[in-house]
PDB file of N, CA and C in Angstrom:
ATOM      1  N   UNK A   1     121.229 111.648 111.954  1.00  0.00           N
ATOM      2  CA  UNK A   1     120.983 111.376 113.343  1.00  0.00           C
ATOM      3  C   UNK A   1     121.925 110.269 113.809  1.00  0.00           C
ATOM      4  N   UNK A   2     122.985 110.650 114.485  1.00  0.00           N
ATOM      5  CA  UNK A   2     123.912 109.665 115.016  1.00  0.00           C
ATOM      6  C   UNK A   2     123.921 109.768 116.524  1.00  0.00           C
ATOM      7  N   UNK A   3     123.939 108.632 117.176  1.00  0.00           N
ATOM      8  CA  UNK A   3     123.989 108.597 118.625  1.00  0.00           C
ATOM      9  C   UNK A   3     125.264 107.893 119.041  1.00  0.00           C
ATOM     10  N   UNK A   4     125.746 108.252 120.223  1.00  0.00           N
ATOM     11  CA  UNK A   4     126.930 107.612 120.753  1.00  0.00           C
ATOM     12  C   UNK A   4     126.613 106.166 121.108  1.00  0.00           C
ATOM     13  N   UNK A   5     127.568 105.292 120.856  1.00  0.00           N
ATOM     14  CA  UNK A   5     127.419 103.900 121.258  1.00  0.00           C
ATOM     15  C   UNK A   5     127.767 103.796 122.732  1.00  0.00           C
ATOM     16  N   UNK A   6     126.958 103.059 123.470  1.00  0.00           N
ATOM     17  CA  UNK A   6     127.183 102.899 124.901  1.00  0.00           C
ATOM     18  C   UNK A   6     127.875 101.563 125.164  1.00  0.00           C
ATOM     19  N   UNK A   7     128.796 101.540 126.122  1.00  0.00           N
ATOM     20  CA  UNK A   7     129.409 100.249 126.449  1.00  0.00           C
ATOM     21  C   UNK A   7     128.393  99.330 127.095  1.00  0.00           C
ATOM     22  N   UNK A   8     128.523  98.041 126.813  1.00  0.00           N
ATOM     23  CA  UNK A   8     127.629  97.074 127.456  1.00  0.00           C
ATOM     24  C   UNK A   8     128.099  96.869 128.892  1.00  0.00           C
ATOM     25  N   UNK A   9     127.237  96.320 129.695  1.00  0.00           N
ATOM     26  CA  UNK A   9     127.570  96.121 131.099  1.00  0.00           C
ATOM     27  C   UNK A   9     128.476  94.921 131.303  1.00  0.00           C
ATOM     28  N   UNK A  10     128.434  93.950 130.419  1.00  0.00           N
ATOM     29  CA  UNK A  10     129.176  92.703 130.640  1.00  0.00           C
ATOM     30  C   UNK A  10     130.640  92.805 130.226  1.00  0.00           C
ATOM     31  N   UNK A  11     130.902  93.291 129.011  1.00  0.00           N
ATOM     32  CA  UNK A  11     132.281  93.241 128.527  1.00  0.00           C
ATOM     33  C   UNK A  11     132.811  94.589 128.067  1.00  0.00           C
ATOM     34  N   UNK A  12     132.076  95.647 128.291  1.00  0.00           N
ATOM     35  CA  UNK A  12     132.477  97.009 127.941  1.00  0.00           C
ATOM     36  C   UNK A  12     132.785  97.192 126.462  1.00  0.00           C
ATOM     37  N   UNK A  13     132.202  96.384 125.615  1.00  0.00           N
ATOM     38  CA  UNK A  13     132.288  96.545 124.170  1.00  0.00           C
ATOM     39  C   UNK A  13     131.116  97.404 123.710  1.00  0.00           C
ATOM     40  N   UNK A  14     131.287  98.196 122.638  1.00  0.00           N
ATOM     41  CA  UNK A  14     130.161  98.997 122.154  1.00  0.00           C
ATOM     42  C   UNK A  14     128.982  98.124 121.744  1.00  0.00           C
ATOM     43  N   UNK A  15     127.779  98.620 121.993  1.00  0.00           N
ATOM     44  CA  UNK A  15     126.562  97.928 121.586  1.00  0.00           C
ATOM     45  C   UNK A  15     126.253  98.366 120.163  1.00  0.00           C
ATOM     46  N   UNK A  16     126.081  97.432 119.277  1.00  0.00           N
ATOM     47  CA  UNK A  16     125.808  97.734 117.874  1.00  0.00           C
ATOM     48  C   UNK A  16     124.354  97.422 117.556  1.00  0.00           C
ATOM     49  N   UNK A  17     123.478  97.981 118.355  1.00  0.00           N
ATOM     50  CA  UNK A  17     122.056  97.749 118.128  1.00  0.00           C
ATOM     51  C   UNK A  17     121.272  98.949 118.640  1.00  0.00           C
ATOM     52  N   UNK A  18     120.038  99.014 118.235  1.00  0.00           N
ATOM     53  CA  UNK A  18     119.111 100.026 118.724  1.00  0.00           C
ATOM     54  C   UNK A  18     117.801  99.345 119.044  1.00  0.00           C
ATOM     55  N   UNK A  19     117.126  99.872 120.018  1.00  0.00           N
ATOM     56  CA  UNK A  19     115.812  99.351 120.387  1.00  0.00           C
ATOM     57  C   UNK A  19     114.791 100.457 120.224  1.00  0.00           C
ATOM     58  N   UNK A  20     113.650 100.082 119.672  1.00  0.00           N
ATOM     59  CA  UNK A  20     112.547 101.017 119.508  1.00  0.00           C
ATOM     60  C   UNK A  20     111.252 100.315 119.879  1.00  0.00           C
ATOM     61  N   UNK A  21     110.293 101.084 120.347  1.00  0.00           N
ATOM     62  CA  UNK A  21     108.923 100.610 120.472  1.00  0.00           C
ATOM     63  C   UNK A  21     108.242 101.023 119.179  1.00  0.00           C
ATOM     64  N   UNK A  22     107.689 100.067 118.452  1.00  0.00           N
ATOM     65  CA  UNK A  22     107.044 100.316 117.165  1.00  0.00           C
ATOM     66  C   UNK A  22     105.540 100.334 117.347  1.00  0.00           C
ATOM     67  N   UNK A  23     104.905 101.366 116.819  1.00  0.00           N
ATOM     68  CA  UNK A  23     103.444 101.450 116.789  1.00  0.00           C
ATOM     69  C   UNK A  23     103.013 101.593 115.342  1.00  0.00           C
ATOM     70  N   UNK A  24     102.056 100.780 114.931  1.00  0.00           N
ATOM     71  CA  UNK A  24     101.501 100.824 113.575  1.00  0.00           C
ATOM     72  C   UNK A  24      99.998 100.998 113.669  1.00  0.00           C
ATOM     73  N   UNK A  25      99.447 101.805 112.760  1.00  0.00           N
ATOM     74  CA  UNK A  25      97.999 101.940 112.697  1.00  0.00           C
ATOM     75  C   UNK A  25      97.579 102.294 111.281  1.00  0.00           C
ATOM     76  N   UNK A  26      96.369 101.905 110.973  1.00  0.00           N
ATOM     77  CA  UNK A  26      95.799 102.150 109.653  1.00  0.00           C
ATOM     78  C   UNK A  26      94.833 103.330 109.766  1.00  0.00           C
ATOM     79  N   UNK A  27      95.071 104.353 108.958  1.00  0.00           N
ATOM     80  CA  UNK A  27      94.206 105.536 108.954  1.00  0.00           C
ATOM     81  C   UNK A  27      93.247 105.453 107.780  1.00  0.00           C
ATOM     82  N   UNK A  28      92.029 105.863 107.988  1.00  0.00           N
ATOM     83  CA  UNK A  28      91.055 105.851 106.902  1.00  0.00           C
ATOM     84  C   UNK A  28      90.418 104.487 106.716  1.00  0.00           C
ATOM     85  N   UNK A  29      89.986 104.236 105.513  1.00  0.00           N
ATOM     86  CA  UNK A  29      89.305 102.989 105.167  1.00  0.00           C
ATOM     87  C   UNK A  29      90.282 101.819 105.114  1.00  0.00           C
ATOM     88  N   UNK A  30      89.893 100.662 105.653  1.00  0.00           N
ATOM     89  CA  UNK A  30      90.783  99.494 105.611  1.00  0.00           C
ATOM     90  C   UNK A  30      91.182  99.091 104.193  1.00  0.00           C
ATOM     91  N   UNK A  31      90.318  99.292 103.227  1.00  0.00           N
ATOM     92  CA  UNK A  31      90.640  98.911 101.847  1.00  0.00           C
ATOM     93  C   UNK A  31      91.774  99.761 101.283  1.00  0.00           C
ATOM     94  N   UNK A  32      91.909 100.999 101.789  1.00  0.00           N
ATOM     95  CA  UNK A  32      92.961 101.890 101.296  1.00  0.00           C
ATOM     96  C   UNK A  32      94.325 101.537 101.881  1.00  0.00           C
ATOM     97  N   UNK A  33      94.342 100.918 103.055  1.00  0.00           N
ATOM     98  CA  UNK A  33      95.578 100.488 103.725  1.00  0.00           C
ATOM     99  C   UNK A  33      96.603 101.618 103.823  1.00  0.00           C
ATOM    100  N   UNK A  34      96.164 102.740 104.374  1.00  0.00           N
ATOM    101  CA  UNK A  34      97.041 103.896 104.572  1.00  0.00           C
ATOM    102  C   UNK A  34      97.699 103.768 105.950  1.00  0.00           C
ATOM    103  N   UNK A  35      98.830 103.062 105.997  1.00  0.00           N
ATOM    104  CA  UNK A  35      99.489 102.758 107.255  1.00  0.00           C
ATOM    105  C   UNK A  35     100.378 103.900 107.718  1.00  0.00           C
ATOM    106  N   UNK A  36     100.354 104.129 109.025  1.00  0.00           N
ATOM    107  CA  UNK A  36     101.218 105.105 109.681  1.00  0.00           C
ATOM    108  C   UNK A  36     102.022 104.366 110.745  1.00  0.00           C
ATOM    109  N   UNK A  37     103.114 104.993 111.177  1.00  0.00           N
ATOM    110  CA  UNK A  37     103.955 104.335 112.179  1.00  0.00           C
ATOM    111  C   UNK A  37     104.639 105.376 113.053  1.00  0.00           C
ATOM    112  N   UNK A  38     105.035 104.937 114.229  1.00  0.00           N
ATOM    113  CA  UNK A  38     105.901 105.740 115.077  1.00  0.00           C
ATOM    114  C   UNK A  38     106.895 104.811 115.751  1.00  0.00           C
ATOM    115  N   UNK A  39     108.066 105.349 116.016  1.00  0.00           N
ATOM    116  CA  UNK A  39     109.102 104.644 116.765  1.00  0.00           C
ATOM    117  C   UNK A  39     109.421 105.488 117.987  1.00  0.00           C
ATOM    118  N   UNK A  40     109.614 104.817 119.098  1.00  0.00           N
ATOM    119  CA  UNK A  40     110.027 105.513 120.317  1.00  0.00           C
ATOM    120  C   UNK A  40     111.258 104.827 120.874  1.00  0.00           C
ATOM    121  N   UNK A  41     112.288 105.620 121.155  1.00  0.00           N
ATOM    122  CA  UNK A  41     113.479 105.102 121.809  1.00  0.00           C
ATOM    123  C   UNK A  41     113.150 105.008 123.296  1.00  0.00           C
ATOM    124  N   UNK A  42     113.088 103.793 123.859  1.00  0.00           N
ATOM    125  CA  UNK A  42     112.673 103.659 125.259  1.00  0.00           C
ATOM    126  C   UNK A  42     113.653 104.282 126.255  1.00  0.00           C
ATOM    127  N   UNK A  43     114.907 104.455 125.870  1.00  0.00           N
ATOM    128  CA  UNK A  43     115.881 105.013 126.812  1.00  0.00           C
ATOM    129  C   UNK A  43     115.825 106.534 126.860  1.00  0.00           C
ATOM    130  N   UNK A  44     115.430 107.185 125.758  1.00  0.00           N
ATOM    131  CA  UNK A  44     115.393 108.649 125.716  1.00  0.00           C
ATOM    132  C   UNK A  44     113.977 109.205 125.592  1.00  0.00           C
ATOM    133  N   UNK A  45     113.019 108.338 125.256  1.00  0.00           N
ATOM    134  CA  UNK A  45     111.630 108.729 124.988  1.00  0.00           C
ATOM    135  C   UNK A  45     111.495 109.570 123.713  1.00  0.00           C
ATOM    136  N   UNK A  46     112.546 109.638 122.908  1.00  0.00           N
ATOM    137  CA  UNK A  46     112.487 110.363 121.636  1.00  0.00           C
ATOM    138  C   UNK A  46     111.570 109.601 120.684  1.00  0.00           C
ATOM    139  N   UNK A  47     110.683 110.335 120.004  1.00  0.00           N
ATOM    140  CA  UNK A  47     109.735 109.713 119.084  1.00  0.00           C
ATOM    141  C   UNK A  47     109.964 110.194 117.666  1.00  0.00           C
ATOM    142  N   UNK A  48     109.705 109.281 116.733  1.00  0.00           N
ATOM    143  CA  UNK A  48     109.800 109.572 115.305  1.00  0.00           C
ATOM    144  C   UNK A  48     108.486 109.135 114.671  1.00  0.00           C
ATOM    145  N   UNK A  49     107.857 110.011 113.892  1.00  0.00           N
ATOM    146  CA  UNK A  49     106.587 109.697 113.261  1.00  0.00           C
ATOM    147  C   UNK A  49     106.730 109.545 111.759  1.00  0.00           C
ATOM    148  N   UNK A  50     105.941 108.648 111.184  1.00  0.00           N
ATOM    149  CA  UNK A  50     106.012 108.347 109.754  1.00  0.00           C
ATOM    150  C   UNK A  50     104.608 108.236 109.190  1.00  0.00           C
ATOM    151  N   UNK A  51     104.364 108.900 108.064  1.00  0.00           N
ATOM    152  CA  UNK A  51     103.037 108.855 107.445  1.00  0.00           C
ATOM    153  C   UNK A  51     102.909 107.732 106.430  1.00  0.00           C
ATOM    154  N   UNK A  52     103.961 106.930 106.274  1.00  0.00           N
ATOM    155  CA  UNK A  52     103.896 105.765 105.392  1.00  0.00           C
ATOM    156  C   UNK A  52     104.932 104.736 105.847  1.00  0.00           C
ATOM    157  N   UNK A  53     104.709 103.508 105.457  1.00  0.00           N
ATOM    158  CA  UNK A  53     105.687 102.466 105.769  1.00  0.00           C
ATOM    159  C   UNK A  53     106.990 102.702 105.025  1.00  0.00           C
ATOM    160  N   UNK A  54     106.908 103.278 103.823  1.00  0.00           N
ATOM    161  CA  UNK A  54     108.115 103.577 103.048  1.00  0.00           C
ATOM    162  C   UNK A  54     109.019 104.538 103.819  1.00  0.00           C
ATOM    163  N   UNK A  55     108.424 105.554 104.466  1.00  0.00           N
ATOM    164  CA  UNK A  55     109.213 106.497 105.263  1.00  0.00           C
ATOM    165  C   UNK A  55     109.855 105.793 106.458  1.00  0.00           C
ATOM    166  N   UNK A  56     109.110 104.897 107.086  1.00  0.00           N
ATOM    167  CA  UNK A  56     109.649 104.125 108.202  1.00  0.00           C
ATOM    168  C   UNK A  56     110.847 103.299 107.754  1.00  0.00           C
ATOM    169  N   UNK A  57     110.692 102.574 106.640  1.00  0.00           N
ATOM    170  CA  UNK A  57     111.780 101.733 106.147  1.00  0.00           C
ATOM    171  C   UNK A  57     112.991 102.565 105.745  1.00  0.00           C
ATOM    172  N   UNK A  58     112.781 103.726 105.136  1.00  0.00           N
ATOM    173  CA  UNK A  58     113.885 104.606 104.751  1.00  0.00           C
ATOM    174  C   UNK A  58     114.647 105.069 105.992  1.00  0.00           C
ATOM    175  N   UNK A  59     113.921 105.420 107.050  1.00  0.00           N
ATOM    176  CA  UNK A  59     114.552 105.829 108.301  1.00  0.00           C
ATOM    177  C   UNK A  59     115.404 104.698 108.871  1.00  0.00           C
ATOM    178  N   UNK A  60     114.865 103.488 108.895  1.00  0.00           N
ATOM    179  CA  UNK A  60     115.607 102.350 109.435  1.00  0.00           C
ATOM    180  C   UNK A  60     116.847 102.040 108.596  1.00  0.00           C
ATOM    181  N   UNK A  61     116.721 102.152 107.289  1.00  0.00           N
ATOM    182  CA  UNK A  61     117.883 101.920 106.420  1.00  0.00           C
ATOM    183  C   UNK A  61     118.956 102.981 106.675  1.00  0.00           C
ATOM    184  N   UNK A  62     118.546 104.232 106.759  1.00  0.00           N
ATOM    185  CA  UNK A  62     119.497 105.319 107.005  1.00  0.00           C
ATOM    186  C   UNK A  62     120.177 105.157 108.357  1.00  0.00           C
ATOM    187  N   UNK A  63     119.411 104.767 109.365  1.00  0.00           N
ATOM    188  CA  UNK A  63     119.955 104.564 110.703  1.00  0.00           C
ATOM    189  C   UNK A  63     120.968 103.426 110.713  1.00  0.00           C
ATOM    190  N   UNK A  64     120.655 102.329 110.049  1.00  0.00           N
ATOM    191  CA  UNK A  64     121.577 101.188 110.040  1.00  0.00           C
ATOM    192  C   UNK A  64     122.821 101.498 109.231  1.00  0.00           C
ATOM    193  N   UNK A  65     122.705 102.285 108.178  1.00  0.00           N
ATOM    194  CA  UNK A  65     123.881 102.678 107.399  1.00  0.00           C
ATOM    195  C   UNK A  65     124.805 103.544 108.235  1.00  0.00           C
ATOM    196  N   UNK A  66     124.250 104.356 109.112  1.00  0.00           N
ATOM    197  CA  UNK A  66     125.067 105.168 110.012  1.00  0.00           C
ATOM    198  C   UNK A  66     125.940 104.315 110.909  1.00  0.00           C
ATOM    199  N   UNK A  67     125.414 103.176 111.388  1.00  0.00           N
ATOM    200  CA  UNK A  67     126.214 102.267 112.201  1.00  0.00           C
ATOM    201  C   UNK A  67     127.345 101.655 111.395  1.00  0.00           C
ATOM    202  N   UNK A  68     127.076 101.282 110.146  1.00  0.00           N
ATOM    203  CA  UNK A  68     128.123 100.699 109.314  1.00  0.00           C
ATOM    204  C   UNK A  68     129.248 101.712 109.093  1.00  0.00           C
ATOM    205  N   UNK A  69     128.915 102.994 108.881  1.00  0.00           N
ATOM    206  CA  UNK A  69     129.919 104.023 108.689  1.00  0.00           C
ATOM    207  C   UNK A  69     130.768 104.211 109.959  1.00  0.00           C
ATOM    208  N   UNK A  70     130.112 104.172 111.135  1.00  0.00           N
ATOM    209  CA  UNK A  70     130.837 104.304 112.389  1.00  0.00           C
ATOM    210  C   UNK A  70     131.794 103.141 112.604  1.00  0.00           C
ATOM    211  N   UNK A  71     131.424 101.955 112.133  1.00  0.00           N
ATOM    212  CA  UNK A  71     132.270 100.770 112.284  1.00  0.00           C
ATOM    213  C   UNK A  71     133.370 100.706 111.243  1.00  0.00           C
ATOM    214  N   UNK A  72     133.323 101.585 110.236  1.00  0.00           N
ATOM    215  CA  UNK A  72     134.342 101.574 109.200  1.00  0.00           C
ATOM    216  C   UNK A  72     134.096 100.559 108.120  1.00  0.00           C
ATOM    217  N   UNK A  73     132.840 100.150 107.918  1.00  0.00           N
ATOM    218  CA  UNK A  73     132.520  99.163 106.888  1.00  0.00           C
ATOM    219  C   UNK A  73     132.364  99.822 105.558  1.00  0.00           C
TER     220      UNK A  73
END
């Protein structure tokens, strides 16, 4: 999942960041701590759902690695 970088309004340089609305909730018994999460891109309203925090973290790592590849790092 790669998205185009948009120029900033001030200096027309690419923006090297992403913004998401994060929602976290615990499903089931509190002692089990079965956490779920969703991310929403506020500019596109695209949503991503995760049935564990590990899946959320993997998504964020993969997304950030995509930016490094685009920058030539």
